[in-house]
PDB file of N, CA and C in Angstrom:
ATOM      1  N   MET A   1     -19.271   4.423  -7.110  1.00  0.00           N
ATOM      2  CA  MET A   1     -18.031   5.514  -6.673  1.00  0.00           C
ATOM      3  C   MET A   1     -16.912   4.389  -5.922  1.00  0.00           C
ATOM      4  N   LYS A   2     -17.549   3.081  -5.293  1.00  0.00           N
ATOM      5  CA  LYS A   2     -16.800   2.450  -4.737  1.00  0.00           C
ATOM      6  C   LYS A   2     -15.797   1.731  -5.294  1.00  0.00           C
ATOM      7  N   GLN A   3     -15.904   1.782  -6.883  1.00  0.00           N
ATOM      8  CA  GLN A   3     -14.899   1.296  -7.822  1.00  0.00           C
ATOM      9  C   GLN A   3     -13.570   2.319  -7.885  1.00  0.00           C
ATOM     10  N   ILE A   4     -14.048   3.516  -7.519  1.00  0.00           N
ATOM     11  CA  ILE A   4     -13.135   4.421  -7.893  1.00  0.00           C
ATOM     12  C   ILE A   4     -11.524   4.322  -6.341  1.00  0.00           C
ATOM     13  N   SER A   5     -12.787   4.248  -5.039  1.00  0.00           N
ATOM     14  CA  SER A   5     -12.109   3.920  -3.819  1.00  0.00           C
ATOM     15  C   SER A   5     -11.029   2.588  -4.247  1.00  0.00           C
ATOM     16  N   VAL A   6     -11.885   1.414  -4.695  1.00  0.00           N
ATOM     17  CA  VAL A   6     -11.038   0.380  -4.999  1.00  0.00           C
ATOM     18  C   VAL A   6      -9.493   0.681  -5.957  1.00  0.00           C
ATOM     19  N   LEU A   7     -10.162   1.134  -6.865  1.00  0.00           N
ATOM     20  CA  LEU A   7      -8.891   1.825  -8.058  1.00  0.00           C
ATOM     21  C   LEU A   7      -7.750   2.614  -7.390  1.00  0.00           C
ATOM     22  N   LEU A   8      -8.018   3.526  -6.552  1.00  0.00           N
ATOM     23  CA  LEU A   8      -6.959   4.245  -6.007  1.00  0.00           C
ATOM     24  C   LEU A   8      -6.465   3.415  -4.819  1.00  0.00           C
ATOM     25  N   ALA A   9      -7.201   2.711  -4.047  1.00  0.00           N
ATOM     26  CA  ALA A   9      -6.578   1.942  -3.118  1.00  0.00           C
ATOM     27  C   ALA A   9      -5.595   0.744  -3.713  1.00  0.00           C
ATOM     28  N   SER A  10      -5.912   0.239  -4.767  1.00  0.00           N
ATOM     29  CA  SER A  10      -4.816  -0.527  -5.371  1.00  0.00           C
ATOM     30  C   SER A  10      -3.984   0.114  -5.646  1.00  0.00           C
ATOM     31  N   PHE A  11      -4.097   1.329  -6.440  1.00  0.00           N
ATOM     32  CA  PHE A  11      -2.758   2.036  -6.994  1.00  0.00           C
ATOM     33  C   PHE A  11      -1.928   2.471  -5.873  1.00  0.00           C
ATOM     34  N   SER A  12      -2.573   2.767  -4.747  1.00  0.00           N
ATOM     35  CA  SER A  12      -1.535   3.276  -3.223  1.00  0.00           C
ATOM     36  C   SER A  12      -0.673   2.187  -2.905  1.00  0.00           C
ATOM     37  N   VAL A  13      -1.367   0.775  -3.065  1.00  0.00           N
ATOM     38  CA  VAL A  13      -0.740  -0.425  -2.811  1.00  0.00           C
ATOM     39  C   VAL A  13       0.146  -0.726  -3.255  1.00  0.00           C
ATOM     40  N   VAL A  14       0.254  -0.665  -5.008  1.00  0.00           N
ATOM     41  CA  VAL A  14       0.945  -0.716  -6.007  1.00  0.00           C
ATOM     42  C   VAL A  14       2.286  -0.044  -5.495  1.00  0.00           C
ATOM     43  N   MET A  15       2.252   1.383  -5.459  1.00  0.00           N
ATOM     44  CA  MET A  15       2.994   2.404  -5.196  1.00  0.00           C
ATOM     45  C   MET A  15       3.923   2.106  -4.085  1.00  0.00           C
ATOM     46  N   CYS A  16       3.592   1.924  -3.075  1.00  0.00           N
ATOM     47  CA  CYS A  16       3.751   1.253  -1.604  1.00  0.00           C
ATOM     48  C   CYS A  16       4.752   0.337  -1.891  1.00  0.00           C
ATOM     49  N   LEU A  17       4.250  -0.874  -2.585  1.00  0.00           N
ATOM     50  CA  LEU A  17       5.150  -1.851  -2.998  1.00  0.00           C
ATOM     51  C   LEU A  17       6.269  -1.651  -3.853  1.00  0.00           C
ATOM     52  N   VAL A  18       6.345  -1.004  -4.530  1.00  0.00           N
ATOM     53  CA  VAL A  18       7.425  -0.315  -5.528  1.00  0.00           C
ATOM     54  C   VAL A  18       8.640   0.490  -4.877  1.00  0.00           C
ATOM     55  N   LEU A  19       8.370   1.201  -3.862  1.00  0.00           N
ATOM     56  CA  LEU A  19       8.876   2.243  -3.260  1.00  0.00           C
ATOM     57  C   LEU A  19       9.547   1.357  -2.093  1.00  0.00           C
ATOM     58  N   SER A  20       9.180   0.359  -1.315  1.00  0.00           N
ATOM     59  CA  SER A  20       9.581  -0.366  -0.598  1.00  0.00           C
ATOM     60  C   SER A  20      10.568  -1.270  -1.055  1.00  0.00           C
ATOM     61  N   TYR A  21       9.914  -2.069  -2.516  1.00  0.00           N
ATOM     62  CA  TYR A  21      11.162  -2.746  -3.186  1.00  0.00           C
ATOM     63  C   TYR A  21      12.434  -1.862  -3.202  1.00  0.00           C
ATOM     64  N   PHE A  22      12.401  -0.553  -3.900  1.00  0.00           N
ATOM     65  CA  PHE A  22      13.730  -0.093  -4.222  1.00  0.00           C
ATOM     66  C   PHE A  22      14.533   0.511  -2.958  1.00  0.00           C
ATOM     67  N   LEU A  23      13.751   0.806  -2.062  1.00  0.00           N
ATOM     68  CA  LEU A  23      14.232   0.953  -0.576  1.00  0.00           C
ATOM     69  C   LEU A  23      15.301   0.079  -0.367  1.00  0.00           C
ATOM     70  N   ILE A  24      14.769  -1.452  -0.364  1.00  0.00           N
ATOM     71  CA  ILE A  24      15.324  -2.485   0.000  1.00  0.00           C
ATOM     72  C   ILE A  24      16.502  -2.827  -0.841  1.00  0.00           C
ATOM     73  N   PHE A  25      16.229  -3.183  -1.957  1.00  0.00           N
ATOM     74  CA  PHE A  25      17.319  -3.450  -3.116  1.00  0.00           C
ATOM     75  C   PHE A  25      17.854  -2.547  -3.919  1.00  0.00           C
ATOM     76  N   THR A  26      17.944  -1.499  -3.821  1.00  0.00           N
ATOM     77  CA  THR A  26      18.857  -0.357  -4.260  1.00  0.00           C
ATOM     78  C   THR A  26      19.379   0.664  -3.643  1.00  0.00           C
ATOM     79  N   GLU A  27      20.045   1.662  -4.408  1.00  0.00           N
ATOM     80  CA  GLU A  27      20.662   2.539  -3.643  1.00  0.00           C
ATOM     81  C   GLU A  27      20.235   3.719  -3.507  1.00  0.00           C
ATOM     82  N   LEU A  28      18.657   3.609  -4.198  1.00  0.00           N
ATOM     83  CA  LEU A  28      17.720   4.778  -3.770  1.00  0.00           C
ATOM     84  C   LEU A  28      17.612   5.791  -2.518  1.00  0.00           C
ATOM     85  N   MET A  29      18.344   7.119  -2.786  1.00  0.00           N
ATOM     86  CA  MET A  29      18.228   7.811  -1.610  1.00  0.00           C
ATOM     87  C   MET A  29      19.150   7.211  -0.411  1.00  0.00           C
ATOM     88  N   ARG A  30      20.357   6.361  -0.370  1.00  0.00           N
ATOM     89  CA  ARG A  30      20.911   5.836   0.765  1.00  0.00           C
ATOM     90  C   ARG A  30      21.751   7.163   0.688  1.00  0.00           C
ATOM     91  N   ASP A  31      21.805   8.017   0.339  1.00  0.00           N
ATOM     92  CA  ASP A  31      22.763   9.228   0.932  1.00  0.00           C
ATOM     93  C   ASP A  31      22.164  10.120   2.057  1.00  0.00           C
ATOM     94  N   ARG A  32      20.821   9.806   1.998  1.00  0.00           N
ATOM     95  CA  ARG A  32      20.079  10.909   2.757  1.00  0.00           C
ATOM     96  C   ARG A  32      19.057   9.790   3.826  1.00  0.00           C
ATOM     97  N   LEU A  33      18.793   8.592   3.406  1.00  0.00           N
ATOM     98  CA  LEU A  33      17.869   8.282   4.267  1.00  0.00           C
ATOM     99  C   LEU A  33      18.757   6.519   4.026  1.00  0.00           C
ATOM    100  N   TYR A  34      19.373   6.072   5.707  1.00  0.00           N
ATOM    101  CA  TYR A  34      19.989   5.037   5.739  1.00  0.00           C
ATOM    102  C   TYR A  34      20.050   4.439   7.326  1.00  0.00           C
ATOM    103  N   GLY A  35      20.537   3.548   7.630  1.00  0.00           N
ATOM    104  CA  GLY A  35      20.350   3.009   8.870  1.00  0.00           C
ATOM    105  C   GLY A  35      18.969   2.531   9.305  1.00  0.00           C
ATOM    106  N   THR A  36      18.654   2.694  10.630  1.00  0.00           N
ATOM    107  CA  THR A  36      17.370   2.280  11.286  1.00  0.00           C
ATOM    108  C   THR A  36      16.313   3.167  10.424  1.00  0.00           C
ATOM    109  N   ASN A  37      16.467   4.249  10.294  1.00  0.00           N
ATOM    110  CA  ASN A  37      15.275   5.438   9.476  1.00  0.00           C
ATOM    111  C   ASN A  37      14.766   4.680   8.218  1.00  0.00           C
ATOM    112  N   ARG A  38      15.897   4.003   7.614  1.00  0.00           N
ATOM    113  CA  ARG A  38      15.111   3.691   6.391  1.00  0.00           C
ATOM    114  C   ARG A  38      14.427   1.887   6.637  1.00  0.00           C
ATOM    115  N   GLN A  39      15.346   1.533   7.539  1.00  0.00           N
ATOM    116  CA  GLN A  39      14.132   0.085   7.793  1.00  0.00           C
ATOM    117  C   GLN A  39      13.287   0.352   8.662  1.00  0.00           C
ATOM    118  N   ILE A  40      13.059   1.270   9.451  1.00  0.00           N
ATOM    119  CA  ILE A  40      11.579   1.998   9.796  1.00  0.00           C
ATOM    120  C   ILE A  40      10.543   2.176   8.687  1.00  0.00           C
ATOM    121  N   LEU A  41      10.881   3.268   7.958  1.00  0.00           N
ATOM    122  CA  LEU A  41      10.437   3.742   6.561  1.00  0.00           C
ATOM    123  C   LEU A  41       9.831   2.535   6.168  1.00  0.00           C
ATOM    124  N   VAL A  42      10.700   1.309   5.437  1.00  0.00           N
ATOM    125  CA  VAL A  42      10.193   0.428   4.720  1.00  0.00           C
ATOM    126  C   VAL A  42       9.205  -0.732   5.587  1.00  0.00           C
ATOM    127  N   ALA A  43       8.980  -0.918   6.773  1.00  0.00           N
ATOM    128  CA  ALA A  43       8.298  -1.392   7.977  1.00  0.00           C
ATOM    129  C   ALA A  43       7.031  -0.946   7.742  1.00  0.00           C
ATOM    130  N   ILE A  44       6.901   0.603   7.950  1.00  0.00           N
ATOM    131  CA  ILE A  44       5.602   1.342   7.829  1.00  0.00           C
ATOM    132  C   ILE A  44       5.050   1.316   6.363  1.00  0.00           C
ATOM    133  N   LEU A  45       6.017   1.284   5.149  1.00  0.00           N
ATOM    134  CA  LEU A  45       5.179   1.306   3.752  1.00  0.00           C
ATOM    135  C   LEU A  45       4.705  -0.153   3.598  1.00  0.00           C
ATOM    136  N   LEU A  46       5.451  -1.509   4.199  1.00  0.00           N
ATOM    137  CA  LEU A  46       4.693  -2.469   4.051  1.00  0.00           C
ATOM    138  C   LEU A  46       3.453  -2.858   5.124  1.00  0.00           C
ATOM    139  N   PHE A  47       3.523  -2.168   6.209  1.00  0.00           N
ATOM    140  CA  PHE A  47       2.091  -2.262   7.136  1.00  0.00           C
ATOM    141  C   PHE A  47       1.169  -1.311   6.306  1.00  0.00           C
ATOM    142  N   TYR A  48       1.334  -0.485   5.582  1.00  0.00           N
ATOM    143  CA  TYR A  48       0.483   0.396   5.239  1.00  0.00           C
ATOM    144  C   TYR A  48       0.037  -0.315   4.018  1.00  0.00           C
ATOM    145  N   CYS A  49       0.693  -0.996   3.571  1.00  0.00           N
ATOM    146  CA  CYS A  49       0.214  -2.452   1.985  1.00  0.00           C
ATOM    147  C   CYS A  49      -0.785  -2.892   2.794  1.00  0.00           C
ATOM    148  N   VAL A  50      -0.250  -3.836   3.939  1.00  0.00           N
ATOM    149  CA  VAL A  50      -1.527  -4.907   4.373  1.00  0.00           C
ATOM    150  C   VAL A  50      -2.437  -4.056   4.764  1.00  0.00           C
ATOM    151  N   PHE A  51      -2.443  -3.162   5.419  1.00  0.00           N
ATOM    152  CA  PHE A  51      -3.729  -2.412   5.848  1.00  0.00           C
ATOM    153  C   PHE A  51      -4.616  -1.826   4.705  1.00  0.00           C
ATOM    154  N   ARG A  52      -4.035  -1.530   3.439  1.00  0.00           N
ATOM    155  CA  ARG A  52      -4.994  -1.243   2.499  1.00  0.00           C
ATOM    156  C   ARG A  52      -5.454  -2.365   1.592  1.00  0.00           C
ATOM    157  N   ILE A  53      -4.975  -3.496   1.697  1.00  0.00           N
ATOM    158  CA  ILE A  53      -5.363  -4.961   0.951  1.00  0.00           C
ATOM    159  C   ILE A  53      -6.429  -5.241   1.780  1.00  0.00           C
ATOM    160  N   PHE A  54      -6.344  -4.931   3.041  1.00  0.00           N
ATOM    161  CA  PHE A  54      -7.202  -5.424   3.910  1.00  0.00           C
ATOM    162  C   PHE A  54      -8.372  -4.576   3.843  1.00  0.00           C
ATOM    163  N   ARG A  55      -8.330  -3.432   3.748  1.00  0.00           N
ATOM    164  CA  ARG A  55      -9.355  -1.868   3.868  1.00  0.00           C
ATOM    165  C   ARG A  55     -10.495  -2.417   2.414  1.00  0.00           C
ATOM    166  N   ILE A  56      -9.285  -2.701   1.149  1.00  0.00           N
ATOM    167  CA  ILE A  56      -9.746  -3.154   0.041  1.00  0.00           C
ATOM    168  C   ILE A  56     -11.025  -4.465   0.118  1.00  0.00           C
ATOM    169  N   TYR A  57     -10.322  -5.172   0.703  1.00  0.00           N
ATOM    170  CA  TYR A  57     -10.608  -6.401   0.755  1.00  0.00           C
ATOM    171  C   TYR A  57     -12.363  -6.420   1.111  1.00  0.00           C
ATOM    172  N   LYS A  58     -12.296  -5.851   2.375  1.00  0.00           N
ATOM    173  CA  LYS A  58     -13.362  -5.277   3.009  1.00  0.00           C
ATOM    174  C   LYS A  58     -14.814  -4.559   1.944  1.00  0.00           C
ATOM    175  N   LEU A  59     -14.128  -3.631   1.213  1.00  0.00           N
ATOM    176  CA  LEU A  59     -14.929  -3.128   0.376  1.00  0.00           C
ATOM    177  C   LEU A  59     -15.490  -3.558  -0.789  1.00  0.00           C
ATOM    178  N   ILE A  60     -14.878  -4.634  -1.449  1.00  0.00           N
ATOM    179  CA  ILE A  60     -15.135  -5.507  -1.995  1.00  0.00           C
ATOM    180  C   ILE A  60     -16.475  -6.568  -1.305  1.00  0.00           C
ATOM    181  N   LYS A  61     -15.978  -6.888  -0.336  1.00  0.00           N
ATOM    182  CA  LYS A  61     -16.936  -7.921   0.173  1.00  0.00           C
ATOM    183  C   LYS A  61     -18.167  -7.193   0.594  1.00  0.00           C
ATOM    184  N   ASN A  62     -18.230  -6.229   1.101  1.00  0.00           N
ATOM    185  CA  ASN A  62     -19.265  -5.241   1.383  1.00  0.00           C
ATOM    186  C   ASN A  62     -20.206  -4.689   0.064  1.00  0.00           C
ATOM    187  N   LYS A  63     -19.628  -4.681  -0.700  1.00  0.00           N
ATOM    188  CA  LYS A  63     -19.985  -3.979  -2.052  1.00  0.00           C
ATOM    189  C   LYS A  63     -20.928  -5.736  -2.662  1.00  0.00           C
ATOM    190  N   GLN A  64     -20.122  -6.711  -2.405  1.00  0.00           N
ATOM    191  CA  GLN A  64     -20.993  -7.986  -3.075  1.00  0.00           C
ATOM    192  C   GLN A  64     -22.033  -8.161  -2.172  1.00  0.00           C
ATOM    193  N   ASN A  65     -22.279  -8.077  -0.966  1.00  0.00           N
ATOM    194  CA  ASN A  65     -22.992  -8.074   0.032  1.00  0.00           C
ATOM    195  C   ASN A  65     -24.523  -7.382  -0.163  1.00  0.00           C
ATOM    196  N   GLU A  66     -24.762  -6.313  -0.922  1.00  0.00           N
ATOM    197  CA  GLU A  66     -25.526  -5.270  -1.171  1.00  0.00           C
ATOM    198  C   GLU A  66     -26.450  -5.683  -2.045  1.00  0.00           C
ATOM    199  N   PRO A  67     -27.646  -5.263  -1.395  1.00  0.00           N
ATOM    200  CA  PRO A  67     -28.566  -5.955  -2.585  1.00  0.00           C
ATOM    201  C   PRO A  67     -28.610  -4.527  -3.884  1.00  0.00           C
ATOM    202  N   GLU A  68     -28.913  -5.205  -4.831  1.00  0.00           N
ATOM    203  CA  GLU A  68     -28.822  -4.359  -6.047  1.00  0.00           C
ATOM    204  C   GLU A  68     -29.992  -3.596  -6.105  1.00  0.00           C
ATOM    205  N   VAL A  69     -29.849  -2.066  -6.557  1.00  0.00           N
ATOM    206  CA  VAL A  69     -31.252  -1.320  -6.512  1.00  0.00           C
ATOM    207  C   VAL A  69     -31.793  -1.046  -7.670  1.00  0.00           C
TER     208      VAL A  69
END
C-alpha cells in the first residue's frame, strides 16, 4: 500500500514541477493569470513540491526501518 502512496506522491511532484515550469517560461494562461497572482501560484506549487518530496522521503525511510513480517 505504501508503494502506491509513493507512486502517487511522485506523480504529483512531477505534475507540479511541470506546471510551474510552464507558468514561468511560457505564455500558458498569461491572459487570465498574470502578475503577482501568477508568481504566488508558482511559489505555492514549488513549496508543495518540496513538502511532497519531504513526505516521500519520510515514507521511504519509515518503510526501510520496519521489520518484515
